[in-house]
Amino acid sequence: MEGENVDFSGVNGTWNNCGASLTPWNTMLSSEEYEPLAIPVEWIRNVEMMSDYLGEQANPYDYGYLVEVSPDEGGDSVASLVEKRYAMGRFSHEMGIIMPDEITSYHGDDGTGTVLFKFVADEAGDLSTGTLYAAAVTQDDDSLSLKWIELGSADDDEIAEGLAELEFAAE
């Protein structure tokens, strides 16, 4: 199997991509793992290399998402469409998987003592808008149950616009 580089500059680069899955509509869903902390002072150090790569101050809130890549049908990997799926939440993603209904996805937050998430898209085959849930897990002896807690609904455009309005300065 051969690999090719994909141009992620249109989404301000990606952060620690780990694992990828194939969607039912044949796009690739990559996970930005270990999102940079967006705590004052700490984030400057955390995004220093990304800022060097971009040639400008990186915004720590640009990282920590699932990234969908639609391959260019002509085979030119640089022309592939890259979209961050902001509506699916910002955290340390690990291996998102889309269910056969093309609406529901499950993904974890990488690490110990973290969360299992569910995202329900508003429309089949479109991960740009929907509702994010977190699992509350209860275990009684041999029984395990999940209760899904709604975290909120959003769409990629709203979140991307909000991120673009944030200004960060390395001072």
Protein backbone atom coordinates (compact mmCIF):
# COMPACT_ATOMS: atom_id res chain seq x y z
CA MET A 1 0.00 0.00 0.00
CA GLU A 2 1.32 3.43 -0.90
CA GLY A 3 0.81 6.61 1.06
CA GLU A 4 0.75 10.24 0.05
CA ASN A 5 0.94 13.53 1.89
CA VAL A 6 -2.28 15.48 2.31
CA ASP A 7 -2.32 19.29 2.48
CA PHE A 8 -3.85 20.28 5.84
CA SER A 9 -2.95 23.98 5.58
CA GLY A 10 -6.56 24.93 4.77
CA VAL A 11 -7.51 23.97 8.35
CA ASN A 12 -4.41 25.49 10.00
CA GLY A 13 -2.70 22.11 10.13
CA THR A 14 -3.54 19.17 12.36
CA TRP A 15 -2.30 18.08 15.76
CA ASN A 16 -0.98 14.59 16.61
CA ASN A 17 -3.17 12.65 14.22
CA CYS A 18 -3.78 9.15 15.52
CA GLY A 19 -5.85 6.46 13.95
CA ALA A 20 -8.27 6.84 11.11
CA SER A 21 -11.44 5.13 10.03
CA LEU A 22 -13.32 4.90 6.77
CA THR A 23 -16.81 6.40 6.68
CA PRO A 24 -19.66 4.60 4.88
CA TRP A 25 -19.41 7.31 2.17
CA ASN A 26 -15.68 6.58 1.61
CA THR A 27 -14.03 9.52 3.32
CA MET A 28 -11.30 9.15 5.93
CA LEU A 29 -11.91 10.32 9.49
CA SER A 30 -8.65 11.08 11.31
CA SER A 31 -8.31 11.84 15.02
CA GLU A 32 -6.44 14.82 16.47
CA GLU A 33 -5.10 13.31 19.65
CA TYR A 34 -3.84 15.14 22.76
CA GLU A 35 -5.25 18.57 21.97
CA PRO A 36 -3.08 21.45 23.22
CA LEU A 37 -4.13 22.95 26.52
CA ALA A 38 -5.73 26.34 26.05
CA ILE A 39 -4.73 27.58 29.50
CA PRO A 40 -3.08 31.04 29.53
CA VAL A 41 0.72 30.79 29.41
CA GLU A 42 0.62 27.01 28.91
CA TRP A 43 -0.86 27.15 25.40
CA ILE A 44 1.99 29.33 24.11
CA ARG A 45 4.49 26.55 24.82
CA ASN A 46 2.06 23.89 23.61
CA VAL A 47 1.62 25.40 20.14
CA GLU A 48 5.12 26.78 19.58
CA MET A 49 6.04 24.21 16.91
CA MET A 50 2.70 24.62 15.14
CA SER A 51 3.24 28.40 15.12
CA ASP A 52 6.68 27.88 13.57
CA TYR A 53 5.13 25.61 10.95
CA LEU A 54 2.34 28.09 10.12
CA GLY A 55 4.58 31.17 10.22
CA GLU A 56 2.13 32.90 12.59
CA GLN A 57 0.76 32.41 16.09
CA ALA A 58 -1.32 29.24 16.17
CA ASN A 59 -4.65 29.22 17.98
CA PRO A 60 -4.80 26.28 20.44
CA TYR A 61 -8.56 26.02 19.88
CA ASP A 62 -7.90 25.06 16.24
CA TYR A 63 -6.79 21.60 17.38
CA GLY A 64 -8.46 18.64 19.06
CA TYR A 65 -11.06 17.57 16.48
CA LEU A 66 -11.93 14.77 14.11
CA VAL A 67 -10.72 15.64 10.60
CA GLU A 68 -12.59 14.36 7.54
CA VAL A 69 -10.61 13.92 4.33
CA SER A 70 -12.43 13.47 1.02
CA PRO A 71 -9.95 12.07 -1.48
CA ASP A 72 -9.57 13.86 -4.80
CA GLU A 73 -11.15 11.61 -7.43
CA GLY A 74 -8.26 12.37 -9.78
CA GLY A 75 -5.80 10.86 -7.32
CA ASP A 76 -4.03 14.12 -6.44
CA SER A 77 -3.70 13.96 -2.64
CA VAL A 78 -2.88 17.67 -2.41
CA ALA A 79 -6.31 18.41 -3.95
CA SER A 80 -8.15 16.29 -1.36
CA LEU A 81 -10.83 18.16 0.61
CA VAL A 82 -9.95 18.47 4.31
CA GLU A 83 -12.56 19.56 6.88
CA LYS A 84 -12.35 19.67 10.64
CA ARG A 85 -15.54 18.40 12.23
CA TYR A 86 -15.87 21.04 14.95
CA ALA A 87 -19.46 20.04 15.82
CA MET A 88 -18.18 16.63 16.96
CA GLY A 89 -16.36 18.23 19.91
CA ARG A 90 -12.87 19.35 20.95
CA PHE A 91 -10.92 16.86 23.05
CA SER A 92 -8.27 14.18 22.64
CA HIS A 93 -10.02 12.08 20.00
CA GLU A 94 -9.33 8.43 19.51
CA MET A 95 -10.67 6.48 16.54
CA GLY A 96 -14.11 7.80 15.63
CA ILE A 97 -16.34 5.24 13.95
CA ILE A 98 -19.50 5.94 11.93
CA MET A 99 -22.37 3.48 12.28
CA PRO A 100 -24.16 2.00 9.22
CA ASP A 101 -27.06 4.47 9.71
CA GLU A 102 -24.58 7.20 8.57
CA ILE A 103 -25.88 9.44 11.38
CA THR A 104 -24.45 8.04 14.62
CA SER A 105 -20.77 7.99 15.51
CA TYR A 106 -18.87 6.89 18.61
CA HIS A 107 -15.44 8.07 19.65
CA GLY A 108 -13.36 8.14 22.77
CA ASP A 109 -11.17 10.64 24.52
CA ASP A 110 -7.71 9.10 24.67
CA GLY A 111 -6.27 8.57 28.12
CA THR A 112 -7.19 7.22 31.53
CA GLY A 113 -10.44 8.19 33.24
CA THR A 114 -11.81 9.93 30.15
CA VAL A 115 -15.13 9.92 28.29
CA LEU A 116 -16.97 7.92 25.63
CA PHE A 117 -18.78 10.25 23.21
CA LYS A 118 -21.64 9.82 20.77
CA PHE A 119 -22.38 12.26 17.96
CA VAL A 120 -25.71 12.21 16.13
CA ALA A 121 -25.60 14.08 12.84
CA ASP A 122 -28.63 16.04 11.70
CA GLU A 123 -28.42 14.44 8.26
CA ALA A 124 -27.07 11.10 7.07
CA GLY A 125 -23.61 11.34 5.51
CA ASP A 126 -22.99 14.89 6.81
CA LEU A 127 -20.90 15.29 9.98
CA SER A 128 -20.91 19.11 9.87
CA THR A 129 -23.92 19.56 12.15
CA GLY A 130 -25.45 17.54 14.97
CA THR A 131 -25.63 16.85 18.68
CA LEU A 132 -22.83 15.63 20.96
CA TYR A 133 -23.41 13.33 23.94
CA ALA A 134 -21.22 11.96 26.74
CA ALA A 135 -21.78 8.56 28.34
CA ALA A 136 -22.48 8.23 32.05
CA VAL A 137 -21.42 4.68 32.86
CA THR A 138 -22.85 2.63 35.73
CA GLN A 139 -21.58 -0.79 36.67
CA ASP A 140 -23.37 -3.13 39.05
CA ASP A 141 -21.61 -6.48 39.48
CA ASP A 142 -21.66 -8.00 35.96
CA SER A 143 -23.97 -5.37 34.45
CA LEU A 144 -22.83 -2.23 32.65
CA SER A 145 -25.23 0.50 31.56
CA LEU A 146 -24.83 3.77 29.69
CA LYS A 147 -26.91 6.90 30.01
CA TRP A 148 -26.29 9.49 27.27
CA ILE A 149 -26.03 13.08 28.50
CA GLU A 150 -26.63 15.74 25.83
CA LEU A 151 -23.76 18.23 25.73
CA GLY A 152 -25.11 20.46 22.98
CA SER A 153 -25.79 20.94 19.29
CA ALA A 154 -23.68 22.92 16.86
CA ASP A 155 -22.50 23.19 13.31
CA ASP A 156 -18.99 23.44 11.92
CA ASP A 157 -19.49 26.90 10.39
CA GLU A 158 -20.64 28.49 13.67
CA ILE A 159 -17.67 27.10 15.57
CA ALA A 160 -15.15 27.94 12.82
CA GLU A 161 -16.42 31.53 12.75
CA GLY A 162 -16.03 31.81 16.53
CA LEU A 163 -12.49 30.41 16.37
CA ALA A 164 -11.55 32.87 13.64
CA GLU A 165 -12.58 35.76 15.88
CA LEU A 166 -10.25 34.68 18.69
CA GLU A 167 -6.90 36.42 18.79
CA PHE A 168 -3.85 35.00 20.50
CA ALA A 169 -0.56 36.74 20.98
CA ALA A 170 2.63 35.16 22.25
CA GLU A 171 3.46 37.77 24.88
